[in-house]
Amino acid sequence: SCSWFETEFKRGEWGTILSNMAFSVHFMHHQLRDDGDKKAYALKYAEIVRSLKPGGSFYYAPSLPQMESLLPDGKFSLNRTPVAAGLFKTHLKRL
C-alpha cells in the first residue's frame, strides 16, 4: 500500500477512484493546521480529478466543498449526500 502522494495520477487514466475518509480527512486536517501542507493537498486533489476518464467517478467522504467550488463549469457533475450532521459524501463525475 502507498500514500496518495506516492501515486501518480496520470491524466485521463482512471474510471473510478474511491476514498473512504483517507484523502479528504487528511486534506481537512492539513487545511486546519497552521503548519499544514495546504498547497500539496490542493494540487493532489486537482491531479486526482484530472486523472478521471470521461464518465469516470471520484467517490469520497467527507466532501471537500472548498475544492469542489473550484471545479470548472460543465466539466463535472457533483452529487453530495448527507451521512451525518453537517457531513456529506461526494460523487464527482467527469462529463
N, C-alpha and C. Protein backbone atom coordinates (compact mmCIF):
# COMPACT_ATOMS: atom_id res chain seq x y z
N SER A 1 0.84 -1.17 0.00
CA SER A 1 0.00 0.00 0.00
C SER A 1 0.89 1.24 0.00
N CYS A 2 0.38 2.33 -0.56
CA CYS A 2 1.16 3.56 -0.59
C CYS A 2 0.22 4.75 -0.36
N SER A 3 0.82 5.89 -0.10
CA SER A 3 0.02 7.08 0.17
C SER A 3 -0.46 7.70 -1.14
N TRP A 4 -1.39 8.64 -1.00
CA TRP A 4 -1.88 9.37 -2.16
C TRP A 4 -0.73 10.09 -2.86
N PHE A 5 0.26 10.51 -2.11
CA PHE A 5 1.36 11.28 -2.68
C PHE A 5 2.42 10.40 -3.33
N GLU A 6 2.38 9.11 -3.07
CA GLU A 6 3.31 8.19 -3.72
C GLU A 6 2.74 7.66 -5.03
N THR A 7 1.52 8.01 -5.33
CA THR A 7 0.85 7.55 -6.54
C THR A 7 0.75 8.70 -7.52
N GLU A 8 1.16 8.44 -8.76
CA GLU A 8 1.00 9.43 -9.82
C GLU A 8 -0.33 9.16 -10.51
N PHE A 9 -1.17 10.15 -10.55
CA PHE A 9 -2.47 10.03 -11.21
C PHE A 9 -2.36 10.72 -12.56
N LYS A 10 -2.13 9.91 -13.60
CA LYS A 10 -1.94 10.45 -14.95
C LYS A 10 -3.29 10.88 -15.53
N ARG A 11 -3.24 11.92 -16.34
CA ARG A 11 -4.43 12.50 -16.95
C ARG A 11 -5.24 11.44 -17.72
N GLY A 12 -6.55 11.38 -17.43
CA GLY A 12 -7.47 10.52 -18.16
C GLY A 12 -7.24 9.03 -17.98
N GLU A 13 -6.65 8.61 -16.88
CA GLU A 13 -6.26 7.21 -16.68
C GLU A 13 -7.29 6.38 -15.91
N TRP A 14 -8.06 7.00 -15.02
CA TRP A 14 -8.89 6.25 -14.08
C TRP A 14 -10.38 6.32 -14.42
N GLY A 15 -11.05 5.18 -14.27
CA GLY A 15 -12.50 5.12 -14.43
C GLY A 15 -13.21 5.38 -13.12
N THR A 16 -12.66 4.86 -12.02
CA THR A 16 -13.27 5.04 -10.70
C THR A 16 -12.17 5.14 -9.65
N ILE A 17 -12.33 6.11 -8.75
CA ILE A 17 -11.42 6.27 -7.61
C ILE A 17 -12.30 6.36 -6.37
N LEU A 18 -11.99 5.54 -5.36
CA LEU A 18 -12.74 5.52 -4.10
C LEU A 18 -11.84 5.97 -2.96
N SER A 19 -12.37 6.81 -2.09
CA SER A 19 -11.64 7.22 -0.90
C SER A 19 -12.62 7.33 0.25
N ASN A 20 -12.58 6.37 1.14
CA ASN A 20 -13.44 6.40 2.32
C ASN A 20 -12.67 7.06 3.45
N MET A 21 -12.73 8.36 3.50
CA MET A 21 -12.12 9.19 4.53
C MET A 21 -10.61 9.37 4.37
N ALA A 22 -9.93 8.50 3.69
CA ALA A 22 -8.47 8.55 3.65
C ALA A 22 -7.93 9.88 3.12
N PHE A 23 -8.36 10.29 1.95
CA PHE A 23 -7.82 11.52 1.38
C PHE A 23 -8.44 12.77 2.00
N SER A 24 -9.76 12.84 2.02
CA SER A 24 -10.40 14.09 2.44
C SER A 24 -10.20 14.41 3.92
N VAL A 25 -10.12 13.42 4.79
CA VAL A 25 -9.87 13.71 6.21
C VAL A 25 -8.45 14.27 6.38
N HIS A 26 -7.48 13.69 5.69
CA HIS A 26 -6.12 14.23 5.75
C HIS A 26 -6.07 15.63 5.13
N PHE A 27 -6.79 15.82 4.03
CA PHE A 27 -6.88 17.13 3.39
C PHE A 27 -7.39 18.16 4.40
N MET A 28 -8.51 17.85 5.05
CA MET A 28 -9.11 18.77 6.03
C MET A 28 -8.16 19.03 7.20
N HIS A 29 -7.50 17.99 7.66
CA HIS A 29 -6.54 18.13 8.76
C HIS A 29 -5.46 19.15 8.40
N HIS A 30 -4.92 19.04 7.19
CA HIS A 30 -3.86 19.96 6.76
C HIS A 30 -4.39 21.37 6.53
N GLN A 31 -5.65 21.51 6.14
CA GLN A 31 -6.24 22.84 5.96
C GLN A 31 -6.39 23.56 7.30
N LEU A 32 -6.63 22.81 8.37
CA LEU A 32 -6.87 23.40 9.69
C LEU A 32 -5.59 23.70 10.46
N ARG A 33 -4.50 23.05 10.11
CA ARG A 33 -3.23 23.23 10.82
C ARG A 33 -2.50 24.47 10.32
N ASP A 34 -1.88 25.19 11.23
CA ASP A 34 -1.07 26.34 10.81
C ASP A 34 0.12 25.90 9.96
N ASP A 35 0.67 24.74 10.28
CA ASP A 35 1.83 24.24 9.54
C ASP A 35 1.44 23.15 8.53
N GLY A 36 0.14 23.07 8.20
CA GLY A 36 -0.33 22.05 7.27
C GLY A 36 0.14 22.30 5.85
N ASP A 37 0.20 21.25 5.08
CA ASP A 37 0.64 21.33 3.69
C ASP A 37 -0.57 21.53 2.79
N LYS A 38 -1.20 22.69 2.91
CA LYS A 38 -2.43 23.00 2.19
C LYS A 38 -2.26 22.91 0.68
N LYS A 39 -1.19 23.49 0.18
CA LYS A 39 -0.97 23.53 -1.27
C LYS A 39 -0.79 22.13 -1.85
N ALA A 40 -0.02 21.28 -1.17
CA ALA A 40 0.22 19.92 -1.68
C ALA A 40 -1.09 19.15 -1.80
N TYR A 41 -1.97 19.28 -0.81
CA TYR A 41 -3.24 18.56 -0.86
C TYR A 41 -4.15 19.13 -1.94
N ALA A 42 -4.17 20.44 -2.11
CA ALA A 42 -4.99 21.05 -3.16
C ALA A 42 -4.50 20.61 -4.54
N LEU A 43 -3.18 20.58 -4.73
CA LEU A 43 -2.63 20.14 -6.02
C LEU A 43 -2.90 18.66 -6.27
N LYS A 44 -2.84 17.84 -5.23
CA LYS A 44 -3.11 16.41 -5.40
C LYS A 44 -4.57 16.18 -5.74
N TYR A 45 -5.49 16.93 -5.10
CA TYR A 45 -6.91 16.83 -5.44
C TYR A 45 -7.11 17.16 -6.93
N ALA A 46 -6.50 18.24 -7.40
CA ALA A 46 -6.62 18.62 -8.80
C ALA A 46 -6.06 17.52 -9.71
N GLU A 47 -4.95 16.92 -9.32
CA GLU A 47 -4.36 15.83 -10.10
C GLU A 47 -5.30 14.63 -10.16
N ILE A 48 -5.89 14.28 -9.04
CA ILE A 48 -6.83 13.15 -9.00
C ILE A 48 -8.02 13.43 -9.92
N VAL A 49 -8.56 14.62 -9.85
CA VAL A 49 -9.72 14.98 -10.67
C VAL A 49 -9.35 14.92 -12.16
N ARG A 50 -8.19 15.44 -12.53
CA ARG A 50 -7.75 15.39 -13.93
C ARG A 50 -7.51 13.97 -14.41
N SER A 51 -7.23 13.06 -13.49
CA SER A 51 -6.92 11.69 -13.88
C SER A 51 -8.16 10.88 -14.28
N LEU A 52 -9.35 11.44 -14.05
CA LEU A 52 -10.57 10.71 -14.40
C LEU A 52 -10.78 10.69 -15.91
N LYS A 53 -11.14 9.52 -16.42
CA LYS A 53 -11.55 9.38 -17.82
C LYS A 53 -12.91 10.05 -17.98
N PRO A 54 -13.29 10.43 -19.20
CA PRO A 54 -14.67 10.90 -19.40
C PRO A 54 -15.65 9.83 -18.90
N GLY A 55 -16.59 10.23 -18.08
CA GLY A 55 -17.53 9.30 -17.45
C GLY A 55 -17.01 8.70 -16.16
N GLY A 56 -15.74 9.00 -15.82
CA GLY A 56 -15.12 8.45 -14.60
C GLY A 56 -15.61 9.15 -13.35
N SER A 57 -15.53 8.45 -12.22
CA SER A 57 -16.06 8.95 -10.96
C SER A 57 -15.02 8.92 -9.85
N PHE A 58 -15.11 9.93 -8.98
CA PHE A 58 -14.32 10.00 -7.76
C PHE A 58 -15.33 10.06 -6.62
N TYR A 59 -15.33 9.03 -5.78
CA TYR A 59 -16.22 8.95 -4.62
C TYR A 59 -15.38 9.19 -3.38
N TYR A 60 -15.81 10.13 -2.54
CA TYR A 60 -15.05 10.38 -1.31
C TYR A 60 -15.96 10.96 -0.23
N ALA A 61 -15.51 10.79 0.99
CA ALA A 61 -16.21 11.34 2.16
C ALA A 61 -15.16 11.65 3.20
N PRO A 62 -15.30 12.72 3.92
CA PRO A 62 -16.32 13.75 3.76
C PRO A 62 -16.05 14.62 2.53
N SER A 63 -17.09 15.35 2.14
CA SER A 63 -17.00 16.25 0.98
C SER A 63 -15.96 17.34 1.23
N LEU A 64 -15.46 17.91 0.14
CA LEU A 64 -14.48 18.99 0.21
C LEU A 64 -15.02 20.20 -0.56
N PRO A 65 -16.02 20.89 0.00
CA PRO A 65 -16.66 21.98 -0.73
C PRO A 65 -15.71 23.09 -1.16
N GLN A 66 -14.62 23.32 -0.40
CA GLN A 66 -13.68 24.36 -0.77
C GLN A 66 -12.98 24.04 -2.08
N MET A 67 -12.80 22.78 -2.40
CA MET A 67 -12.20 22.38 -3.68
C MET A 67 -13.27 22.19 -4.75
N GLU A 68 -14.39 21.63 -4.35
CA GLU A 68 -15.48 21.39 -5.31
C GLU A 68 -15.97 22.68 -5.94
N SER A 69 -15.92 23.77 -5.19
CA SER A 69 -16.37 25.07 -5.72
C SER A 69 -15.44 25.60 -6.81
N LEU A 70 -14.24 25.06 -6.92
CA LEU A 70 -13.26 25.50 -7.91
C LEU A 70 -13.30 24.69 -9.21
N LEU A 71 -14.13 23.65 -9.26
CA LEU A 71 -14.20 22.81 -10.45
C LEU A 71 -14.78 23.61 -11.62
N PRO A 72 -14.23 23.41 -12.83
CA PRO A 72 -14.74 24.16 -13.98
C PRO A 72 -16.18 23.78 -14.32
N ASP A 73 -16.97 24.79 -14.63
CA ASP A 73 -18.37 24.56 -15.01
C ASP A 73 -18.47 23.71 -16.26
N GLY A 74 -19.44 22.81 -16.27
CA GLY A 74 -19.72 21.99 -17.44
C GLY A 74 -18.80 20.82 -17.66
N LYS A 75 -17.82 20.62 -16.80
CA LYS A 75 -16.87 19.51 -16.97
C LYS A 75 -17.12 18.36 -16.01
N PHE A 76 -17.88 18.64 -14.94
CA PHE A 76 -18.12 17.64 -13.90
C PHE A 76 -19.55 17.75 -13.41
N SER A 77 -20.08 16.62 -12.96
CA SER A 77 -21.32 16.65 -12.17
C SER A 77 -20.93 16.31 -10.74
N LEU A 78 -21.66 16.89 -9.82
CA LEU A 78 -21.33 16.75 -8.40
C LEU A 78 -22.60 16.41 -7.65
N ASN A 79 -22.55 15.33 -6.88
CA ASN A 79 -23.69 14.93 -6.07
C ASN A 79 -23.21 14.70 -4.64
N ARG A 80 -23.75 15.49 -3.72
CA ARG A 80 -23.43 15.32 -2.29
C ARG A 80 -24.61 14.69 -1.59
N THR A 81 -24.32 13.73 -0.73
CA THR A 81 -25.34 13.02 0.04
C THR A 81 -25.00 13.13 1.51
N PRO A 82 -25.97 13.54 2.36
CA PRO A 82 -25.67 13.63 3.80
C PRO A 82 -25.40 12.25 4.40
N VAL A 83 -24.41 12.20 5.29
CA VAL A 83 -24.08 10.96 6.00
C VAL A 83 -24.17 11.12 7.51
N ALA A 84 -24.04 12.35 8.00
CA ALA A 84 -24.15 12.66 9.43
C ALA A 84 -24.38 14.17 9.53
N ALA A 85 -24.64 14.64 10.71
CA ALA A 85 -24.89 16.06 10.91
C ALA A 85 -23.75 16.90 10.36
N GLY A 86 -24.03 17.65 9.30
CA GLY A 86 -23.03 18.53 8.71
C GLY A 86 -21.98 17.86 7.84
N LEU A 87 -22.06 16.54 7.67
CA LEU A 87 -21.08 15.83 6.84
C LEU A 87 -21.78 15.21 5.64
N PHE A 88 -21.08 15.26 4.51
CA PHE A 88 -21.62 14.75 3.26
C PHE A 88 -20.59 13.87 2.57
N LYS A 89 -21.06 12.95 1.74
CA LYS A 89 -20.17 12.21 0.86
C LYS A 89 -20.38 12.77 -0.54
N THR A 90 -19.37 12.67 -1.38
CA THR A 90 -19.41 13.24 -2.71
C THR A 90 -19.21 12.18 -3.78
N HIS A 91 -20.00 12.31 -4.82
CA HIS A 91 -19.77 11.56 -6.07
C HIS A 91 -19.50 12.61 -7.12
N LEU A 92 -18.25 12.68 -7.55
CA LEU A 92 -17.82 13.61 -8.58
C LEU A 92 -17.64 12.82 -9.87
N LYS A 93 -18.29 13.24 -10.95
CA LYS A 93 -18.22 12.52 -12.21
C LYS A 93 -17.72 13.46 -13.30
N ARG A 94 -16.72 13.00 -14.03
CA ARG A 94 -16.23 13.78 -15.17
C ARG A 94 -17.18 13.57 -16.33
N LEU A 95 -17.61 14.66 -16.93
CA LEU A 95 -18.54 14.57 -18.06
C LEU A 95 -17.81 14.37 -19.37
